[in-house]
Amino acid sequence: MIEPTLSAWRKARLDRRPTGQPAQVELRDVFNAILYVNRTGIPWKYLPHDFPNHGTVYAYYAAWR
């Protein structure tokens, strides 16, 4: 169900960070983390360690918003 959305995001996002290094996170993990924060209502900084870094997840959230 979300695969078409993730595919579109993959095409739209930059393959490299501003530093020129390749991105190190999976978009599916980032998307799941955003859904987790949305469902639970927790602050970004309390995102469990099973997900990517909260700052990275929030940066993607802000860019996609």
Protein backbone atom coordinates (compact mmCIF):
# COMPACT_ATOMS: atom_id res chain seq x y z
CA MET A 1 0.00 0.00 0.00
CA ILE A 2 2.74 2.49 0.82
CA GLU A 3 5.21 1.16 -1.76
CA PRO A 4 4.09 3.58 -4.53
CA THR A 5 4.51 6.48 -2.11
CA LEU A 6 7.97 5.32 -1.05
CA SER A 7 8.96 4.84 -4.69
CA ALA A 8 7.92 8.40 -5.47
CA TRP A 9 9.89 9.72 -2.49
CA ARG A 10 12.96 7.76 -3.57
CA LYS A 11 12.80 9.37 -7.01
CA ALA A 12 12.20 12.85 -5.58
CA ARG A 13 14.87 12.87 -2.87
CA LEU A 14 18.51 13.60 -3.39
CA ASP A 15 20.70 10.51 -3.47
CA ARG A 16 23.39 12.39 -1.62
CA ARG A 17 23.44 14.55 1.46
CA PRO A 18 24.73 18.13 1.23
CA THR A 19 28.13 16.81 2.36
CA GLY A 20 28.31 14.65 -0.77
CA GLN A 21 28.08 11.38 1.12
CA PRO A 22 25.45 8.78 0.24
CA ALA A 23 22.36 8.63 2.46
CA GLN A 24 22.70 6.01 5.21
CA VAL A 25 19.08 5.37 6.21
CA GLU A 26 16.32 3.29 4.65
CA LEU A 27 13.25 5.32 3.73
CA ARG A 28 10.97 2.56 4.98
CA ASP A 29 12.55 2.84 8.45
CA VAL A 30 12.14 6.62 8.38
CA PHE A 31 8.52 6.32 7.27
CA ASN A 32 7.77 3.76 10.00
CA ALA A 33 9.35 6.06 12.59
CA ILE A 34 7.17 8.97 11.44
CA LEU A 35 4.09 6.77 11.71
CA TYR A 36 5.18 5.65 15.19
CA VAL A 37 5.51 9.24 16.42
CA ASN A 38 2.18 10.12 14.82
CA ARG A 39 0.39 7.15 16.42
CA THR A 40 1.88 7.40 19.91
CA GLY A 41 2.19 11.18 20.18
CA ILE A 42 5.65 10.96 21.77
CA PRO A 43 8.19 13.78 21.33
CA TRP A 44 10.72 13.19 18.55
CA LYS A 45 13.61 12.92 20.99
CA TYR A 46 11.97 9.88 22.67
CA LEU A 47 11.85 7.84 19.48
CA PRO A 48 12.99 4.28 20.33
CA HIS A 49 16.48 3.24 19.28
CA ASP A 50 15.01 0.64 16.90
CA PHE A 51 14.39 3.51 14.49
CA PRO A 52 16.89 5.86 12.80
CA ASN A 53 18.15 8.87 14.75
CA HIS A 54 15.33 11.20 15.79
CA GLY A 55 17.02 14.20 14.16
CA THR A 56 17.29 12.39 10.85
CA VAL A 57 13.68 11.23 11.01
CA TYR A 58 12.46 14.73 11.84
CA ALA A 59 14.50 16.22 8.97
CA TYR A 60 12.78 13.87 6.52
CA TYR A 61 9.41 14.63 8.11
CA ALA A 62 9.97 18.38 7.75
CA ALA A 63 11.10 18.00 4.14
CA TRP A 64 8.13 15.79 3.19
CA ARG A 65 5.61 17.89 5.03
